[in-house]
PDB file of N, CA and C in Angstrom:
ATOM      1  N   MET A   1      21.441 -61.675  53.688  1.00  0.00           N
ATOM      2  CA  MET A   1      20.121 -62.250  53.649  1.00  0.00           C
ATOM      3  C   MET A   1      19.366 -61.949  54.948  1.00  0.00           C
ATOM      4  N   ALA A   2      20.001 -62.175  56.069  1.00  0.00           N
ATOM      5  CA  ALA A   2      19.347 -61.915  57.354  1.00  0.00           C
ATOM      6  C   ALA A   2      19.032 -60.432  57.509  1.00  0.00           C
ATOM      7  N   MET A   3      19.904 -59.570  56.982  1.00  0.00           N
ATOM      8  CA  MET A   3      19.701 -58.128  57.088  1.00  0.00           C
ATOM      9  C   MET A   3      18.408 -57.713  56.378  1.00  0.00           C
ATOM     10  N   LYS A   4      18.160 -58.263  55.193  1.00  0.00           N
ATOM     11  CA  LYS A   4      16.943 -57.930  54.461  1.00  0.00           C
ATOM     12  C   LYS A   4      15.706 -58.383  55.231  1.00  0.00           C
ATOM     13  N   TRP A   5      15.788 -59.552  55.844  1.00  0.00           N
ATOM     14  CA  TRP A   5      14.666 -60.064  56.616  1.00  0.00           C
ATOM     15  C   TRP A   5      14.405 -59.169  57.828  1.00  0.00           C
ATOM     16  N   ILE A   6      15.455 -58.794  58.512  1.00  0.00           N
ATOM     17  CA  ILE A   6      15.320 -57.929  59.690  1.00  0.00           C
ATOM     18  C   ILE A   6      14.710 -56.590  59.289  1.00  0.00           C
ATOM     19  N   GLU A   7      15.204 -55.993  58.203  1.00  0.00           N
ATOM     20  CA  GLU A   7      14.673 -54.709  57.754  1.00  0.00           C
ATOM     21  C   GLU A   7      13.235 -54.832  57.273  1.00  0.00           C
ATOM     22  N   ALA A   8      12.873 -55.975  56.713  1.00  0.00           N
ATOM     23  CA  ALA A   8      11.489 -56.176  56.290  1.00  0.00           C
ATOM     24  C   ALA A   8      10.554 -56.163  57.491  1.00  0.00           C
ATOM     25  N   VAL A   9      11.030 -56.640  58.603  1.00  0.00           N
ATOM     26  CA  VAL A   9      10.211 -56.697  59.813  1.00  0.00           C
ATOM     27  C   VAL A   9      10.256 -55.380  60.586  1.00  0.00           C
ATOM     28  N   THR A  10      11.423 -54.804  60.737  1.00  0.00           N
ATOM     29  CA  THR A  10      11.588 -53.639  61.608  1.00  0.00           C
ATOM     30  C   THR A  10      11.707 -52.310  60.878  1.00  0.00           C
ATOM     31  N   GLY A  11      11.928 -52.328  59.579  1.00  0.00           N
ATOM     32  CA  GLY A  11      12.154 -51.103  58.828  1.00  0.00           C
ATOM     33  C   GLY A  11      13.643 -50.900  58.621  1.00  0.00           C
ATOM     34  N   PRO A  12      13.985 -49.945  57.747  1.00  0.00           N
ATOM     35  CA  PRO A  12      15.395 -49.709  57.431  1.00  0.00           C
ATOM     36  C   PRO A  12      16.239 -49.354  58.662  1.00  0.00           C
ATOM     37  N   LEU A  13      17.337 -50.051  58.820  1.00  0.00           N
ATOM     38  CA  LEU A  13      18.218 -49.813  59.964  1.00  0.00           C
ATOM     39  C   LEU A  13      18.874 -48.437  59.895  1.00  0.00           C
ATOM     40  N   GLU A  14      19.120 -47.943  58.690  1.00  0.00           N
ATOM     41  CA  GLU A  14      19.726 -46.615  58.545  1.00  0.00           C
ATOM     42  C   GLU A  14      18.792 -45.537  59.107  1.00  0.00           C
ATOM     43  N   GLN A  15      17.493 -45.706  58.903  1.00  0.00           N
ATOM     44  CA  GLN A  15      16.526 -44.759  59.469  1.00  0.00           C
ATOM     45  C   GLN A  15      16.576 -44.787  60.988  1.00  0.00           C
ATOM     46  N   LYS A  16      16.658 -45.964  61.544  1.00  0.00           N
ATOM     47  CA  LYS A  16      16.714 -46.090  63.003  1.00  0.00           C
ATOM     48  C   LYS A  16      17.979 -45.435  63.557  1.00  0.00           C
ATOM     49  N   LYS A  17      19.082 -45.627  62.855  1.00  0.00           N
ATOM     50  CA  LYS A  17      20.354 -45.023  63.279  1.00  0.00           C
ATOM     51  C   LYS A  17      20.233 -43.495  63.246  1.00  0.00           C
ATOM     52  N   GLN A  18      19.678 -42.951  62.165  1.00  0.00           N
ATOM     53  CA  GLN A  18      19.522 -41.504  62.036  1.00  0.00           C
ATOM     54  C   GLN A  18      18.572 -40.979  63.106  1.00  0.00           C
ATOM     55  N   TYR A  19      17.499 -41.700  63.370  1.00  0.00           N
ATOM     56  CA  TYR A  19      16.551 -41.291  64.402  1.00  0.00           C
ATOM     57  C   TYR A  19      17.250 -41.197  65.759  1.00  0.00           C
ATOM     58  N   ARG A  20      18.032 -42.215  66.097  1.00  0.00           N
ATOM     59  CA  ARG A  20      18.741 -42.203  67.381  1.00  0.00           C
ATOM     60  C   ARG A  20      19.733 -41.042  67.456  1.00  0.00           C
ATOM     61  N   GLN A  21      20.399 -40.733  66.346  1.00  0.00           N
ATOM     62  CA  GLN A  21      21.335 -39.612  66.343  1.00  0.00           C
ATOM     63  C   GLN A  21      20.600 -38.293  66.564  1.00  0.00           C
ATOM     64  N   ASP A  22      19.492 -38.118  65.864  1.00  0.00           N
ATOM     65  CA  ASP A  22      18.722 -36.875  66.017  1.00  0.00           C
ATOM     66  C   ASP A  22      18.138 -36.755  67.419  1.00  0.00           C
ATOM     67  N   LYS A  23      17.660 -37.863  67.952  1.00  0.00           N
ATOM     68  CA  LYS A  23      17.117 -37.871  69.316  1.00  0.00           C
ATOM     69  C   LYS A  23      18.212 -37.494  70.327  1.00  0.00           C
ATOM     70  N   ALA A  24      19.425 -38.018  70.120  1.00  0.00           N
ATOM     71  CA  ALA A  24      20.548 -37.682  71.006  1.00  0.00           C
ATOM     72  C   ALA A  24      20.899 -36.199  70.898  1.00  0.00           C
ATOM     73  N   ARG A  25      20.822 -35.642  69.696  1.00  0.00           N
ATOM     74  CA  ARG A  25      21.091 -34.208  69.518  1.00  0.00           C
ATOM     75  C   ARG A  25      20.082 -33.377  70.313  1.00  0.00           C
ATOM     76  N   ILE A  26      18.827 -33.781  70.260  1.00  0.00           N
ATOM     77  CA  ILE A  26      17.781 -33.065  70.995  1.00  0.00           C
ATOM     78  C   ILE A  26      17.991 -33.214  72.503  1.00  0.00           C
ATOM     79  N   GLU A  27      18.334 -34.414  72.934  1.00  0.00           N
ATOM     80  CA  GLU A  27      18.565 -34.669  74.364  1.00  0.00           C
ATOM     81  C   GLU A  27      19.728 -33.835  74.916  1.00  0.00           C
ATOM     82  N   SER A  28      20.687 -33.506  74.062  1.00  0.00           N
ATOM     83  CA  SER A  28      21.878 -32.785  74.529  1.00  0.00           C
ATOM     84  C   SER A  28      21.735 -31.261  74.473  1.00  0.00           C
ATOM     85  N   LEU A  29      20.596 -30.769  74.024  1.00  0.00           N
ATOM     86  CA  LEU A  29      20.401 -29.320  73.948  1.00  0.00           C
ATOM     87  C   LEU A  29      20.361 -28.699  75.342  1.00  0.00           C
ATOM     88  N   PRO A  30      20.907 -27.488  75.472  1.00  0.00           N
ATOM     89  CA  PRO A  30      20.808 -26.795  76.761  1.00  0.00           C
ATOM     90  C   PRO A  30      19.366 -26.323  76.991  1.00  0.00           C
ATOM     91  N   GLU A  31      19.053 -26.070  78.225  1.00  0.00           N
ATOM     92  CA  GLU A  31      17.719 -25.557  78.556  1.00  0.00           C
ATOM     93  C   GLU A  31      17.653 -24.077  78.221  1.00  0.00           C
ATOM     94  N   PRO A  32      16.541 -23.577  77.795  1.00  0.00           N
ATOM     95  CA  PRO A  32      15.213 -24.169  77.679  1.00  0.00           C
ATOM     96  C   PRO A  32      14.963 -24.853  76.330  1.00  0.00           C
ATOM     97  N   TYR A  33      15.972 -24.853  75.471  1.00  0.00           N
ATOM     98  CA  TYR A  33      15.799 -25.407  74.119  1.00  0.00           C
ATOM     99  C   TYR A  33      15.512 -26.911  74.149  1.00  0.00           C
ATOM    100  N   GLY A  34      16.137 -27.616  75.082  1.00  0.00           N
ATOM    101  CA  GLY A  34      15.910 -29.048  75.188  1.00  0.00           C
ATOM    102  C   GLY A  34      14.460 -29.368  75.497  1.00  0.00           C
ATOM    103  N   THR A  35      13.891 -28.647  76.441  1.00  0.00           N
ATOM    104  CA  THR A  35      12.492 -28.870  76.816  1.00  0.00           C
ATOM    105  C   THR A  35      11.573 -28.583  75.634  1.00  0.00           C
ATOM    106  N   ALA A  36      11.806 -27.476  74.953  1.00  0.00           N
ATOM    107  CA  ALA A  36      10.970 -27.100  73.808  1.00  0.00           C
ATOM    108  C   ALA A  36      11.113 -28.109  72.670  1.00  0.00           C
ATOM    109  N   ALA A  37      12.335 -28.511  72.378  1.00  0.00           N
ATOM    110  CA  ALA A  37      12.570 -29.453  71.284  1.00  0.00           C
ATOM    111  C   ALA A  37      11.973 -30.821  71.574  1.00  0.00           C
ATOM    112  N   LYS A  38      12.108 -31.284  72.816  1.00  0.00           N
ATOM    113  CA  LYS A  38      11.526 -32.581  73.191  1.00  0.00           C
ATOM    114  C   LYS A  38      10.003 -32.543  73.083  1.00  0.00           C
ATOM    115  N   ALA A  39       9.416 -31.455  73.517  1.00  0.00           N
ATOM    116  CA  ALA A  39       7.964 -31.322  73.444  1.00  0.00           C
ATOM    117  C   ALA A  39       7.496 -31.287  71.991  1.00  0.00           C
ATOM    118  N   MET A  40       8.208 -30.568  71.164  1.00  0.00           N
ATOM    119  CA  MET A  40       7.830 -30.488  69.750  1.00  0.00           C
ATOM    120  C   MET A  40       8.042 -31.833  69.054  1.00  0.00           C
ATOM    121  N   HIS A  41       9.122 -32.517  69.393  1.00  0.00           N
ATOM    122  CA  HIS A  41       9.405 -33.851  68.842  1.00  0.00           C
ATOM    123  C   HIS A  41       8.235 -34.791  69.158  1.00  0.00           C
ATOM    124  N   ARG A  42       7.839 -34.818  70.399  1.00  0.00           N
ATOM    125  CA  ARG A  42       6.725 -35.688  70.813  1.00  0.00           C
ATOM    126  C   ARG A  42       5.444 -35.304  70.092  1.00  0.00           C
ATOM    127  N   TYR A  43       5.164 -34.014  70.030  1.00  0.00           N
ATOM    128  CA  TYR A  43       3.947 -33.534  69.374  1.00  0.00           C
ATOM    129  C   TYR A  43       3.922 -33.946  67.903  1.00  0.00           C
ATOM    130  N   LEU A  44       5.033 -33.752  67.213  1.00  0.00           N
ATOM    131  CA  LEU A  44       5.083 -34.091  65.791  1.00  0.00           C
ATOM    132  C   LEU A  44       4.893 -35.585  65.555  1.00  0.00           C
ATOM    133  N   LEU A  45       5.520 -36.405  66.374  1.00  0.00           N
ATOM    134  CA  LEU A  45       5.367 -37.847  66.201  1.00  0.00           C
ATOM    135  C   LEU A  45       3.930 -38.293  66.452  1.00  0.00           C
ATOM    136  N   ASN A  46       3.253 -37.631  67.370  1.00  0.00           N
ATOM    137  CA  ASN A  46       1.892 -38.034  67.718  1.00  0.00           C
ATOM    138  C   ASN A  46       0.810 -37.416  66.849  1.00  0.00           C
ATOM    139  N   THR A  47       1.092 -36.307  66.181  1.00  0.00           N
ATOM    140  CA  THR A  47       0.017 -35.608  65.477  1.00  0.00           C
ATOM    141  C   THR A  47       0.237 -35.384  63.992  1.00  0.00           C
ATOM    142  N   SER A  48       1.453 -35.511  63.498  1.00  0.00           N
ATOM    143  CA  SER A  48       1.706 -35.153  62.096  1.00  0.00           C
ATOM    144  C   SER A  48       0.999 -36.078  61.122  1.00  0.00           C
ATOM    145  N   GLY A  49       0.773 -37.326  61.497  1.00  0.00           N
ATOM    146  CA  GLY A  49       0.113 -38.264  60.612  1.00  0.00           C
ATOM    147  C   GLY A  49       0.993 -38.775  59.491  1.00  0.00           C
ATOM    148  N   ILE A  50       2.239 -38.389  59.482  1.00  0.00           N
ATOM    149  CA  ILE A  50       3.153 -38.812  58.424  1.00  0.00           C
ATOM    150  C   ILE A  50       3.557 -40.259  58.674  1.00  0.00           C
ATOM    151  N   VAL A  51       3.458 -41.076  57.631  1.00  0.00           N
ATOM    152  CA  VAL A  51       3.779 -42.495  57.772  1.00  0.00           C
ATOM    153  C   VAL A  51       5.023 -42.901  56.983  1.00  0.00           C
ATOM    154  N   ASP A  52       5.529 -42.041  56.137  1.00  0.00           N
ATOM    155  CA  ASP A  52       6.726 -42.343  55.345  1.00  0.00           C
ATOM    156  C   ASP A  52       7.961 -42.130  56.212  1.00  0.00           C
ATOM    157  N   GLY A  53       8.700 -43.207  56.465  1.00  0.00           N
ATOM    158  CA  GLY A  53       9.865 -43.144  57.349  1.00  0.00           C
ATOM    159  C   GLY A  53      10.913 -42.143  56.908  1.00  0.00           C
ATOM    160  N   ASP A  54      11.183 -42.071  55.602  1.00  0.00           N
ATOM    161  CA  ASP A  54      12.182 -41.117  55.109  1.00  0.00           C
ATOM    162  C   ASP A  54      11.763 -39.677  55.399  1.00  0.00           C
ATOM    163  N   VAL A  55      10.482 -39.398  55.241  1.00  0.00           N
ATOM    164  CA  VAL A  55       9.977 -38.046  55.488  1.00  0.00           C
ATOM    165  C   VAL A  55      10.046 -37.714  56.978  1.00  0.00           C
ATOM    166  N   ILE A  56       9.670 -38.669  57.812  1.00  0.00           N
ATOM    167  CA  ILE A  56       9.735 -38.448  59.260  1.00  0.00           C
ATOM    168  C   ILE A  56      11.165 -38.160  59.691  1.00  0.00           C
ATOM    169  N   ILE A  57      12.101 -38.946  59.186  1.00  0.00           N
ATOM    170  CA  ILE A  57      13.502 -38.742  59.557  1.00  0.00           C
ATOM    171  C   ILE A  57      13.992 -37.371  59.100  1.00  0.00           C
ATOM    172  N   ARG A  58      13.641 -36.974  57.874  1.00  0.00           N
ATOM    173  CA  ARG A  58      14.050 -35.652  57.374  1.00  0.00           C
ATOM    174  C   ARG A  58      13.466 -34.551  58.258  1.00  0.00           C
ATOM    175  N   MET A  59      12.191 -34.700  58.642  1.00  0.00           N
ATOM    176  CA  MET A  59      11.539 -33.698  59.491  1.00  0.00           C
ATOM    177  C   MET A  59      12.215 -33.613  60.858  1.00  0.00           C
ATOM    178  N   LEU A  60      12.519 -34.766  61.459  1.00  0.00           N
ATOM    179  CA  LEU A  60      13.126 -34.756  62.792  1.00  0.00           C
ATOM    180  C   LEU A  60      14.579 -34.278  62.768  1.00  0.00           C
ATOM    181  N   THR A  61      15.284 -34.537  61.673  1.00  0.00           N
ATOM    182  CA  THR A  61      16.641 -34.000  61.526  1.00  0.00           C
ATOM    183  C   THR A  61      16.584 -32.483  61.444  1.00  0.00           C
ATOM    184  N   ASP A  62      15.626 -31.968  60.668  1.00  0.00           N
ATOM    185  CA  ASP A  62      15.463 -30.514  60.561  1.00  0.00           C
ATOM    186  C   ASP A  62      15.034 -29.905  61.892  1.00  0.00           C
ATOM    187  N   LEU A  63      14.236 -30.638  62.654  1.00  0.00           N
ATOM    188  CA  LEU A  63      13.842 -30.177  63.986  1.00  0.00           C
ATOM    189  C   LEU A  63      15.064 -30.015  64.879  1.00  0.00           C
ATOM    190  N   ALA A  64      15.935 -31.016  64.876  1.00  0.00           N
ATOM    191  CA  ALA A  64      17.163 -30.929  65.677  1.00  0.00           C
ATOM    192  C   ALA A  64      18.030 -29.763  65.193  1.00  0.00           C
ATOM    193  N   ASP A  65      18.134 -29.593  63.884  1.00  0.00           N
ATOM    194  CA  ASP A  65      18.903 -28.463  63.315  1.00  0.00           C
ATOM    195  C   ASP A  65      18.347 -27.128  63.792  1.00  0.00           C
ATOM    196  N   LEU A  66      17.021 -27.001  63.759  1.00  0.00           N
ATOM    197  CA  LEU A  66      16.358 -25.757  64.157  1.00  0.00           C
ATOM    198  C   LEU A  66      16.698 -25.385  65.590  1.00  0.00           C
ATOM    199  N   TRP A  67      16.542 -26.340  66.509  1.00  0.00           N
ATOM    200  CA  TRP A  67      16.753 -26.020  67.923  1.00  0.00           C
ATOM    201  C   TRP A  67      18.233 -25.887  68.262  1.00  0.00           C
ATOM    202  N   GLU A  68      19.105 -26.616  67.576  1.00  0.00           N
ATOM    203  CA  GLU A  68      20.544 -26.410  67.782  1.00  0.00           C
ATOM    204  C   GLU A  68      20.954 -25.013  67.350  1.00  0.00           C
ATOM    205  N   ALA A  69      20.455 -24.569  66.194  1.00  0.00           N
ATOM    206  CA  ALA A  69      20.784 -23.223  65.702  1.00  0.00           C
ATOM    207  C   ALA A  69      20.248 -22.160  66.663  1.00  0.00           C
ATOM    208  N   ALA A  70      19.042 -22.360  67.174  1.00  0.00           N
ATOM    209  CA  ALA A  70      18.473 -21.397  68.131  1.00  0.00           C
ATOM    210  C   ALA A  70      19.324 -21.320  69.382  1.00  0.00           C
ATOM    211  N   ALA A  71      19.800 -22.472  69.861  1.00  0.00           N
ATOM    212  CA  ALA A  71      20.631 -22.495  71.063  1.00  0.00           C
ATOM    213  C   ALA A  71      21.957 -21.775  70.825  1.00  0.00           C
ATOM    214  N   VAL A  72      22.550 -22.006  69.674  1.00  0.00           N
ATOM    215  CA  VAL A  72      23.838 -21.361  69.357  1.00  0.00           C
ATOM    216  C   VAL A  72      23.657 -19.857  69.221  1.00  0.00           C
ATOM    217  N   ASP A  73      22.579 -19.439  68.539  1.00  0.00           N
ATOM    218  CA  ASP A  73      22.333 -18.013  68.309  1.00  0.00           C
ATOM    219  C   ASP A  73      21.744 -17.298  69.518  1.00  0.00           C
ATOM    220  N   GLY A  74      21.232 -18.064  70.482  1.00  0.00           N
ATOM    221  CA  GLY A  74      20.585 -17.461  71.640  1.00  0.00           C
ATOM    222  C   GLY A  74      19.194 -16.929  71.330  1.00  0.00           C
ATOM    223  N   THR A  75      18.579 -17.432  70.271  1.00  0.00           N
ATOM    224  CA  THR A  75      17.225 -17.024  69.903  1.00  0.00           C
ATOM    225  C   THR A  75      16.247 -17.553  70.950  1.00  0.00           C
ATOM    226  N   SER A  76      15.336 -16.712  71.374  1.00  0.00           N
ATOM    227  CA  SER A  76      14.392 -17.142  72.411  1.00  0.00           C
ATOM    228  C   SER A  76      13.424 -18.181  71.850  1.00  0.00           C
ATOM    229  N   VAL A  77      12.927 -19.023  72.736  1.00  0.00           N
ATOM    230  CA  VAL A  77      11.949 -20.037  72.347  1.00  0.00           C
ATOM    231  C   VAL A  77      10.719 -19.355  71.751  1.00  0.00           C
ATOM    232  N   HIS A  78      10.270 -18.275  72.383  1.00  0.00           N
ATOM    233  CA  HIS A  78       9.099 -17.555  71.880  1.00  0.00           C
ATOM    234  C   HIS A  78       9.340 -17.010  70.480  1.00  0.00           C
ATOM    235  N   SER A  79      10.549 -16.568  70.194  1.00  0.00           N
ATOM    236  CA  SER A  79      10.854 -16.071  68.847  1.00  0.00           C
ATOM    237  C   SER A  79      10.748 -17.182  67.805  1.00  0.00           C
ATOM    238  N   ILE A  80      10.976 -18.409  68.212  1.00  0.00           N
ATOM    239  CA  ILE A  80      10.869 -19.543  67.288  1.00  0.00           C
ATOM    240  C   ILE A  80       9.405 -19.925  67.095  1.00  0.00           C
ATOM    241  N   VAL A  81       8.690 -20.187  68.175  1.00  0.00           N
ATOM    242  CA  VAL A  81       7.337 -20.738  68.070  1.00  0.00           C
ATOM    243  C   VAL A  81       6.236 -19.689  68.030  1.00  0.00           C
ATOM    244  N   GLY A  82       6.528 -18.467  68.431  1.00  0.00           N
ATOM    245  CA  GLY A  82       5.517 -17.422  68.418  1.00  0.00           C
ATOM    246  C   GLY A  82       4.497 -17.588  69.522  1.00  0.00           C
ATOM    247  N   ASP A  83       3.330 -16.968  69.321  1.00  0.00           N
ATOM    248  CA  ASP A  83       2.274 -16.995  70.332  1.00  0.00           C
ATOM    249  C   ASP A  83       1.475 -18.298  70.334  1.00  0.00           C
ATOM    250  N   ASP A  84       1.549 -19.036  69.228  1.00  0.00           N
ATOM    251  CA  ASP A  84       0.758 -20.276  69.116  1.00  0.00           C
ATOM    252  C   ASP A  84       1.679 -21.435  68.741  1.00  0.00           C
ATOM    253  N   PRO A  85       2.241 -22.112  69.736  1.00  0.00           N
ATOM    254  CA  PRO A  85       3.177 -23.200  69.448  1.00  0.00           C
ATOM    255  C   PRO A  85       2.555 -24.334  68.643  1.00  0.00           C
ATOM    256  N   VAL A  86       1.273 -24.595  68.842  1.00  0.00           N
ATOM    257  CA  VAL A  86       0.600 -25.661  68.092  1.00  0.00           C
ATOM    258  C   VAL A  86       0.556 -25.306  66.609  1.00  0.00           C
ATOM    259  N   ASP A  87       0.190 -24.072  66.314  1.00  0.00           N
ATOM    260  CA  ASP A  87       0.160 -23.641  64.914  1.00  0.00           C
ATOM    261  C   ASP A  87       1.560 -23.721  64.303  1.00  0.00           C
ATOM    262  N   PHE A  88       2.570 -23.326  65.060  1.00  0.00           N
ATOM    263  CA  PHE A  88       3.942 -23.404  64.556  1.00  0.00           C
ATOM    264  C   PHE A  88       4.307 -24.843  64.222  1.00  0.00           C
ATOM    265  N   ALA A  89       4.039 -25.759  65.133  1.00  0.00           N
ATOM    266  CA  ALA A  89       4.392 -27.161  64.914  1.00  0.00           C
ATOM    267  C   ALA A  89       3.595 -27.766  63.761  1.00  0.00           C
ATOM    268  N   ASP A  90       2.319 -27.435  63.673  1.00  0.00           N
ATOM    269  CA  ASP A  90       1.498 -27.948  62.577  1.00  0.00           C
ATOM    270  C   ASP A  90       1.990 -27.429  61.232  1.00  0.00           C
ATOM    271  N   THR A  91       2.354 -26.162  61.189  1.00  0.00           N
ATOM    272  CA  THR A  91       2.891 -25.581  59.957  1.00  0.00           C
ATOM    273  C   THR A  91       4.229 -26.220  59.610  1.00  0.00           C
ATOM    274  N   PHE A  92       5.046 -26.447  60.605  1.00  0.00           N
ATOM    275  CA  PHE A  92       6.339 -27.120  60.412  1.00  0.00           C
ATOM    276  C   PHE A  92       6.106 -28.491  59.786  1.00  0.00           C
ATOM    277  N   ALA A  93       5.163 -29.253  60.300  1.00  0.00           N
ATOM    278  CA  ALA A  93       4.880 -30.598  59.784  1.00  0.00           C
ATOM    279  C   ALA A  93       4.325 -30.547  58.363  1.00  0.00           C
ATOM    280  N   ARG A  94       3.482 -29.554  58.070  1.00  0.00           N
ATOM    281  CA  ARG A  94       2.908 -29.447  56.718  1.00  0.00           C
ATOM    282  C   ARG A  94       3.977 -29.202  55.663  1.00  0.00           C
ATOM    283  N   ALA A  95       5.105 -28.665  56.065  1.00  0.00           N
ATOM    284  CA  ALA A  95       6.199 -28.438  55.115  1.00  0.00           C
ATOM    285  C   ALA A  95       6.771 -29.753  54.595  1.00  0.00           C
ATOM    286  N   TYR A  96       6.438 -30.840  55.270  1.00  0.00           N
ATOM    287  CA  TYR A  96       6.931 -32.167  54.893  1.00  0.00           C
ATOM    288  C   TYR A  96       5.782 -32.989  54.331  1.00  0.00           C
ATOM    289  N   ALA A  97       5.102 -32.389  53.367  1.00  0.00           N
ATOM    290  CA  ALA A  97       3.938 -33.050  52.770  1.00  0.00           C
ATOM    291  C   ALA A  97       4.316 -34.462  52.343  1.00  0.00           C
ATOM    292  N   ALA A  98       3.562 -35.400  52.839  1.00  0.00           N
ATOM    293  CA  ALA A  98       3.801 -36.805  52.528  1.00  0.00           C
ATOM    294  C   ALA A  98       2.473 -37.531  52.637  1.00  0.00           C
ATOM    295  N   LYS A  99       2.487 -38.764  52.263  1.00  0.00           N
ATOM    296  CA  LYS A  99       1.294 -39.577  52.396  1.00  0.00           C
ATOM    297  C   LYS A  99       1.012 -39.780  53.882  1.00  0.00           C
ATOM    298  N   GLU A 100      -0.211 -39.502  54.267  1.00  0.00           N
ATOM    299  CA  GLU A 100      -0.627 -39.640  55.646  1.00  0.00           C
ATOM    300  C   GLU A 100      -1.643 -40.765  55.744  1.00  0.00           C
ATOM    301  N   TRP A 101      -1.790 -41.339  56.898  1.00  0.00           N
ATOM    302  CA  TRP A 101      -2.739 -42.427  57.077  1.00  0.00           C
ATOM    303  C   TRP A 101      -4.170 -41.984  56.829  1.00  0.00           C
ATOM    304  N   GLN A 102      -4.446 -40.691  57.017  1.00  0.00           N
ATOM    305  CA  GLN A 102      -5.791 -40.172  56.816  1.00  0.00           C
ATOM    306  C   GLN A 102      -6.160 -40.056  55.342  1.00  0.00           C
ATOM    307  N   ASP A 103      -5.172 -40.048  54.438  1.00  0.00           N
ATOM    308  CA  ASP A 103      -5.433 -39.855  53.017  1.00  0.00           C
ATOM    309  C   ASP A 103      -6.415 -40.881  52.470  1.00  0.00           C
ATOM    310  N   LYS A 104      -6.273 -42.130  52.854  1.00  0.00           N
ATOM    311  CA  LYS A 104      -7.165 -43.197  52.390  1.00  0.00           C
ATOM    312  C   LYS A 104      -8.612 -42.920  52.808  1.00  0.00           C
ATOM    313  N   GLU A 105      -8.794 -42.517  54.058  1.00  0.00           N
ATOM    314  CA  GLU A 105     -10.144 -42.235  54.539  1.00  0.00           C
ATOM    315  C   GLU A 105     -10.716 -40.969  53.922  1.00  0.00           C
ATOM    316  N   ARG A 106      -9.878 -39.980  53.672  1.00  0.00           N
ATOM    317  CA  ARG A 106     -10.356 -38.759  53.008  1.00  0.00           C
ATOM    318  C   ARG A 106     -10.883 -39.091  51.614  1.00  0.00           C
ATOM    319  N   ALA A 107     -10.123 -39.901  50.876  1.00  0.00           N
ATOM    320  CA  ALA A 107     -10.534 -40.299  49.529  1.00  0.00           C
ATOM    321  C   ALA A 107     -11.817 -41.121  49.580  1.00  0.00           C
ATOM    322  N   ARG A 108     -11.926 -42.027  50.523  1.00  0.00           N
ATOM    323  CA  ARG A 108     -13.129 -42.861  50.668  1.00  0.00           C
ATOM    324  C   ARG A 108     -14.342 -41.992  51.005  1.00  0.00           C
ATOM    325  N   PHE A 109     -14.168 -41.042  51.902  1.00  0.00           N
ATOM    326  CA  PHE A 109     -15.254 -40.150  52.291  1.00  0.00           C
ATOM    327  C   PHE A 109     -15.704 -39.298  51.105  1.00  0.00           C
ATOM    328  N   THR A 110     -14.740 -38.717  50.403  1.00  0.00           N
ATOM    329  CA  THR A 110     -15.055 -37.886  49.239  1.00  0.00           C
ATOM    330  C   THR A 110     -15.814 -38.691  48.199  1.00  0.00           C
ATOM    331  N   GLN A 111     -15.383 -39.909  47.933  1.00  0.00           N
ATOM    332  CA  GLN A 111     -16.053 -40.768  46.964  1.00  0.00           C
ATOM    333  C   GLN A 111     -17.484 -41.077  47.403  1.00  0.00           C
ATOM    334  N   ALA A 112     -17.681 -41.351  48.692  1.00  0.00           N
ATOM    335  CA  ALA A 112     -19.024 -41.647  49.197  1.00  0.00           C
ATOM    336  C   ALA A 112     -19.959 -40.457  49.016  1.00  0.00           C
ATOM    337  N   ILE A 113     -19.474 -39.261  49.272  1.00  0.00           N
ATOM    338  CA  ILE A 113     -20.292 -38.056  49.102  1.00  0.00           C
ATOM    339  C   ILE A 113     -20.631 -37.866  47.631  1.00  0.00           C
ATOM    340  N   GLU A 114     -19.655 -38.042  46.751  1.00  0.00           N
ATOM    341  CA  GLU A 114     -19.916 -37.907  45.313  1.00  0.00           C
ATOM    342  C   GLU A 114     -20.941 -38.932  44.847  1.00  0.00           C
ATOM    343  N   ASP A 115     -20.834 -40.169  45.337  1.00  0.00           N
ATOM    344  CA  ASP A 115     -21.797 -41.215  45.005  1.00  0.00           C
ATOM    345  C   ASP A 115     -23.203 -40.834  45.488  1.00  0.00           C
ATOM    346  N   ALA A 116     -23.283 -40.317  46.712  1.00  0.00           N
ATOM    347  CA  ALA A 116     -24.578 -39.900  47.259  1.00  0.00           C
ATOM    348  C   ALA A 116     -25.182 -38.761  46.451  1.00  0.00           C
ATOM    349  N   GLU A 117     -24.349 -37.806  46.036  1.00  0.00           N
ATOM    350  CA  GLU A 117     -24.847 -36.684  45.242  1.00  0.00           C
ATOM    351  C   GLU A 117     -25.347 -37.150  43.875  1.00  0.00           C
ATOM    352  N   ARG A 118     -24.642 -38.116  43.264  1.00  0.00           N
ATOM    353  CA  ARG A 118     -25.076 -38.662  41.979  1.00  0.00           C
ATOM    354  C   ARG A 118     -26.391 -39.395  42.135  1.00  0.00           C
ATOM    355  N   ALA A 119     -26.527 -40.166  43.201  1.00  0.00           N
ATOM    356  CA  ALA A 119     -27.772 -40.904  43.448  1.00  0.00           C
ATOM    357  C   ALA A 119     -28.923 -39.943  43.698  1.00  0.00           C
ATOM    358  N   GLU A 120     -28.629 -38.838  44.359  1.00  0.00           N
ATOM    359  CA  GLU A 120     -29.637 -37.841  44.665  1.00  0.00           C
ATOM    360  C   GLU A 120     -30.143 -37.166  43.388  1.00  0.00           C
ATOM    361  N   GLY A 121     -29.232 -36.953  42.452  1.00  0.00           N
ATOM    362  CA  GLY A 121     -29.560 -36.290  41.199  1.00  0.00           C
ATOM    363  C   GLY A 121     -30.265 -37.199  40.196  1.00  0.00           C
ATOM    364  N   SER A 122     -30.286 -38.484  40.436  1.00  0.00           N
ATOM    365  CA  SER A 122     -30.909 -39.446  39.512  1.00  0.00           C
ATOM    366  C   SER A 122     -32.403 -39.444  39.603  1.00  0.00           C
TER     367      SER A 122
END
């Protein structure tokens, strides 16, 4: 009973456990992969707009997988992110299409424009 109450307030504990594991994996990466992975992790959390916890966890687990594989293979950071790291990270996040906080406002804006166009045509 207490567990359900705690999860209702804080979110699923399993997600938190997975997040901490993935964060620890990123923290343990050798340089320069650790620096790149930490920067990308921060960027994704601040800009992806994803609000679904399961999707965020899946994305961050894949992020840790990506940088661990690069470290093992010796793939250069530039070979991973290319010339535009922002575009790479944004494209990476788009692969995890989920409901975003902006979706509500996009729908509201679109509806307002349609309403205005209908009123204009009357």
